[in-house]
N, C-alpha and C. Protein backbone atom coordinates (compact mmCIF):
# COMPACT_ATOMS: atom_id res chain seq x y z
N MET A 1 -11.82 -8.68 11.20
CA MET A 1 -10.93 -9.36 10.31
C MET A 1 -10.19 -8.36 9.41
N ASP A 2 -10.89 -7.28 9.03
CA ASP A 2 -10.25 -6.29 8.16
C ASP A 2 -9.08 -5.60 8.87
N THR A 3 -9.21 -5.39 10.16
CA THR A 3 -8.11 -4.79 10.92
C THR A 3 -6.91 -5.72 10.95
N LYS A 4 -7.15 -7.00 11.13
CA LYS A 4 -6.04 -7.97 11.13
C LYS A 4 -5.35 -7.99 9.77
N ALA A 5 -6.14 -7.94 8.70
CA ALA A 5 -5.57 -7.92 7.35
C ALA A 5 -4.75 -6.65 7.12
N ALA A 6 -5.26 -5.52 7.60
CA ALA A 6 -4.55 -4.25 7.44
C ALA A 6 -3.24 -4.24 8.20
N VAL A 7 -3.26 -4.77 9.41
CA VAL A 7 -2.03 -4.84 10.21
C VAL A 7 -1.02 -5.79 9.57
N LEU A 8 -1.50 -6.89 9.01
CA LEU A 8 -0.62 -7.82 8.31
C LEU A 8 0.06 -7.12 7.14
N LEU A 9 -0.71 -6.41 6.33
CA LEU A 9 -0.16 -5.67 5.20
C LEU A 9 0.87 -4.65 5.67
N GLU A 10 0.51 -3.85 6.66
CA GLU A 10 1.41 -2.82 7.17
C GLU A 10 2.69 -3.42 7.73
N SER A 11 2.59 -4.52 8.44
CA SER A 11 3.76 -5.15 9.04
C SER A 11 4.75 -5.61 7.98
N ILE A 12 4.25 -6.20 6.93
CA ILE A 12 5.15 -6.71 5.89
C ILE A 12 5.72 -5.58 5.05
N VAL A 13 4.88 -4.61 4.70
CA VAL A 13 5.32 -3.52 3.82
C VAL A 13 6.24 -2.53 4.54
N ARG A 14 5.92 -2.19 5.78
CA ARG A 14 6.68 -1.16 6.50
C ARG A 14 7.92 -1.70 7.20
N HIS A 15 8.03 -3.01 7.37
CA HIS A 15 9.19 -3.62 8.01
C HIS A 15 9.75 -4.68 7.07
N PRO A 16 10.42 -4.21 6.01
CA PRO A 16 10.83 -5.13 4.94
C PRO A 16 11.83 -6.18 5.39
N SER A 17 11.58 -7.39 4.93
CA SER A 17 12.51 -8.48 5.22
C SER A 17 13.20 -8.96 3.95
N LEU A 18 12.71 -8.54 2.80
CA LEU A 18 13.30 -8.93 1.53
C LEU A 18 14.03 -7.74 0.91
N VAL A 19 14.96 -8.04 0.01
CA VAL A 19 15.68 -6.98 -0.69
C VAL A 19 14.72 -6.25 -1.63
N ASP A 20 13.83 -7.01 -2.25
CA ASP A 20 12.87 -6.45 -3.20
C ASP A 20 11.57 -7.25 -3.10
N GLY A 21 10.46 -6.60 -3.35
CA GLY A 21 9.19 -7.32 -3.41
C GLY A 21 8.37 -7.31 -2.14
N ASN A 22 8.70 -6.45 -1.19
CA ASN A 22 7.96 -6.42 0.08
C ASN A 22 6.52 -5.96 -0.10
N LYS A 23 6.30 -4.99 -0.99
CA LYS A 23 4.93 -4.52 -1.23
C LYS A 23 4.10 -5.63 -1.89
N ARG A 24 4.70 -6.31 -2.86
CA ARG A 24 3.99 -7.43 -3.50
C ARG A 24 3.70 -8.54 -2.51
N LEU A 25 4.68 -8.86 -1.67
CA LEU A 25 4.49 -9.91 -0.67
C LEU A 25 3.40 -9.52 0.33
N GLY A 26 3.38 -8.26 0.74
CA GLY A 26 2.36 -7.79 1.66
C GLY A 26 0.97 -7.93 1.08
N TRP A 27 0.80 -7.53 -0.19
CA TRP A 27 -0.51 -7.64 -0.83
C TRP A 27 -0.91 -9.11 -0.99
N LEU A 28 0.02 -9.93 -1.42
CA LEU A 28 -0.27 -11.36 -1.59
C LEU A 28 -0.65 -12.01 -0.27
N ALA A 29 0.05 -11.67 0.80
CA ALA A 29 -0.28 -12.22 2.12
C ALA A 29 -1.69 -11.81 2.53
N LEU A 30 -2.06 -10.56 2.24
CA LEU A 30 -3.40 -10.08 2.55
C LEU A 30 -4.46 -10.87 1.77
N VAL A 31 -4.23 -11.08 0.49
CA VAL A 31 -5.17 -11.84 -0.35
C VAL A 31 -5.29 -13.28 0.14
N VAL A 32 -4.18 -13.90 0.48
CA VAL A 32 -4.20 -15.27 0.99
C VAL A 32 -4.93 -15.32 2.33
N PHE A 33 -4.68 -14.34 3.20
CA PHE A 33 -5.37 -14.27 4.50
C PHE A 33 -6.88 -14.26 4.31
N TYR A 34 -7.36 -13.40 3.41
CA TYR A 34 -8.79 -13.36 3.14
C TYR A 34 -9.27 -14.69 2.54
N GLY A 35 -8.50 -15.24 1.63
CA GLY A 35 -8.88 -16.51 1.01
C GLY A 35 -9.00 -17.64 2.02
N LEU A 36 -8.05 -17.72 2.93
CA LEU A 36 -8.10 -18.76 3.96
C LEU A 36 -9.30 -18.60 4.88
N ASN A 37 -9.77 -17.36 5.00
CA ASN A 37 -10.94 -17.08 5.83
C ASN A 37 -12.23 -17.01 5.00
N GLU A 38 -12.13 -17.47 3.76
CA GLU A 38 -13.27 -17.55 2.84
C GLU A 38 -13.98 -16.21 2.65
N VAL A 39 -13.18 -15.16 2.50
CA VAL A 39 -13.70 -13.82 2.24
C VAL A 39 -13.24 -13.42 0.84
N THR A 40 -14.17 -12.93 0.04
CA THR A 40 -13.84 -12.47 -1.31
C THR A 40 -13.49 -10.99 -1.26
N LEU A 41 -12.32 -10.66 -1.80
CA LEU A 41 -11.85 -9.28 -1.84
C LEU A 41 -11.95 -8.81 -3.29
N GLU A 42 -12.75 -7.79 -3.54
CA GLU A 42 -12.91 -7.25 -4.89
C GLU A 42 -12.30 -5.86 -4.93
N ALA A 43 -10.99 -5.82 -5.15
CA ALA A 43 -10.25 -4.55 -5.15
C ALA A 43 -9.80 -4.22 -6.56
N PRO A 44 -10.17 -3.04 -7.08
CA PRO A 44 -9.66 -2.61 -8.38
C PRO A 44 -8.13 -2.49 -8.33
N ASP A 45 -7.47 -2.91 -9.39
CA ASP A 45 -6.01 -2.95 -9.42
C ASP A 45 -5.36 -1.62 -9.06
N ASP A 46 -5.83 -0.51 -9.70
CA ASP A 46 -5.17 0.78 -9.43
C ASP A 46 -5.39 1.23 -7.99
N GLU A 47 -6.56 0.97 -7.45
CA GLU A 47 -6.83 1.38 -6.07
C GLU A 47 -6.04 0.52 -5.08
N ALA A 48 -5.90 -0.76 -5.38
CA ALA A 48 -5.10 -1.64 -4.52
C ALA A 48 -3.64 -1.19 -4.54
N TYR A 49 -3.15 -0.84 -5.73
CA TYR A 49 -1.78 -0.34 -5.86
C TYR A 49 -1.60 0.93 -5.02
N GLY A 50 -2.54 1.86 -5.15
CA GLY A 50 -2.47 3.10 -4.38
C GLY A 50 -2.49 2.86 -2.88
N LEU A 51 -3.28 1.89 -2.47
CA LEU A 51 -3.37 1.54 -1.05
C LEU A 51 -2.02 1.03 -0.54
N VAL A 52 -1.43 0.11 -1.27
CA VAL A 52 -0.15 -0.47 -0.85
C VAL A 52 0.95 0.60 -0.85
N ILE A 53 0.97 1.45 -1.85
CA ILE A 53 1.96 2.53 -1.90
C ILE A 53 1.74 3.49 -0.72
N GLY A 54 0.50 3.80 -0.42
CA GLY A 54 0.19 4.66 0.72
C GLY A 54 0.69 4.08 2.04
N VAL A 55 0.54 2.78 2.19
CA VAL A 55 1.04 2.11 3.40
C VAL A 55 2.56 2.19 3.43
N ALA A 56 3.20 1.92 2.29
CA ALA A 56 4.66 1.94 2.22
C ALA A 56 5.22 3.32 2.53
N GLU A 57 4.54 4.36 2.05
CA GLU A 57 5.01 5.73 2.28
C GLU A 57 4.65 6.25 3.68
N GLY A 58 3.77 5.55 4.36
CA GLY A 58 3.36 5.98 5.69
C GLY A 58 2.22 6.97 5.70
N SER A 59 1.60 7.21 4.53
CA SER A 59 0.50 8.17 4.48
C SER A 59 -0.85 7.55 4.85
N LEU A 60 -0.91 6.22 4.92
CA LEU A 60 -2.14 5.54 5.35
C LEU A 60 -1.84 4.70 6.58
N ASP A 61 -2.67 4.84 7.60
CA ASP A 61 -2.51 3.99 8.78
C ASP A 61 -3.43 2.77 8.65
N TYR A 62 -3.28 1.85 9.55
CA TYR A 62 -4.03 0.61 9.40
C TYR A 62 -5.53 0.79 9.59
N HIS A 63 -5.94 1.85 10.29
CA HIS A 63 -7.38 2.10 10.45
C HIS A 63 -8.00 2.47 9.10
N SER A 64 -7.32 3.34 8.36
CA SER A 64 -7.80 3.73 7.02
C SER A 64 -7.79 2.54 6.08
N VAL A 65 -6.74 1.76 6.15
CA VAL A 65 -6.62 0.58 5.29
C VAL A 65 -7.73 -0.41 5.61
N ALA A 66 -8.00 -0.63 6.88
CA ALA A 66 -9.05 -1.57 7.29
C ALA A 66 -10.41 -1.12 6.77
N ALA A 67 -10.68 0.17 6.82
CA ALA A 67 -11.95 0.69 6.31
C ALA A 67 -12.08 0.45 4.81
N GLN A 68 -11.00 0.68 4.08
CA GLN A 68 -11.04 0.45 2.63
C GLN A 68 -11.19 -1.04 2.32
N LEU A 69 -10.49 -1.88 3.04
CA LEU A 69 -10.60 -3.32 2.82
C LEU A 69 -12.02 -3.80 3.10
N ALA A 70 -12.63 -3.28 4.14
CA ALA A 70 -14.01 -3.65 4.47
C ALA A 70 -14.95 -3.29 3.32
N ALA A 71 -14.73 -2.12 2.73
CA ALA A 71 -15.56 -1.70 1.59
C ALA A 71 -15.36 -2.63 0.40
N TRP A 72 -14.13 -3.02 0.14
CA TRP A 72 -13.87 -3.93 -0.97
C TRP A 72 -14.43 -5.32 -0.72
N CYS A 73 -14.50 -5.72 0.51
CA CYS A 73 -15.08 -7.03 0.83
C CYS A 73 -16.58 -7.02 0.63
N ARG A 74 -17.20 -5.90 0.81
CA ARG A 74 -18.64 -5.79 0.59
C ARG A 74 -18.95 -5.56 -0.88
N GLY A 75 -17.92 -5.15 -1.64
CA GLY A 75 -18.11 -4.90 -3.06
C GLY A 75 -18.46 -3.46 -3.40
N ASP A 76 -18.44 -2.56 -2.41
CA ASP A 76 -18.69 -1.16 -2.71
C ASP A 76 -17.43 -0.35 -2.38
N ALA A 77 -17.19 0.70 -3.14
CA ALA A 77 -15.97 1.49 -2.95
C ALA A 77 -16.20 2.55 -1.88
N LEU A 78 -15.20 2.77 -1.07
CA LEU A 78 -15.24 3.81 -0.04
C LEU A 78 -14.74 5.10 -0.66
N ALA A 79 -15.49 6.16 -0.53
CA ALA A 79 -15.10 7.44 -1.14
C ALA A 79 -14.01 8.11 -0.34
């Protein structure tokens, strides 16, 4: 499920359809995806921001993002 969430985020952020707000939309879609699947995501704000910016800049691939999301779903941070 974390891989699907990561790909969803990457798809929205890296292939913008809006003039502004694609990163926010990508993060919100990810949170809603987890919510609909009854998964609690506990992501610190600054780390979530860094993750989304990393995806937007292309410095993080979906495998890395999925690993971080999995850690946040368990409630422990990935170093």
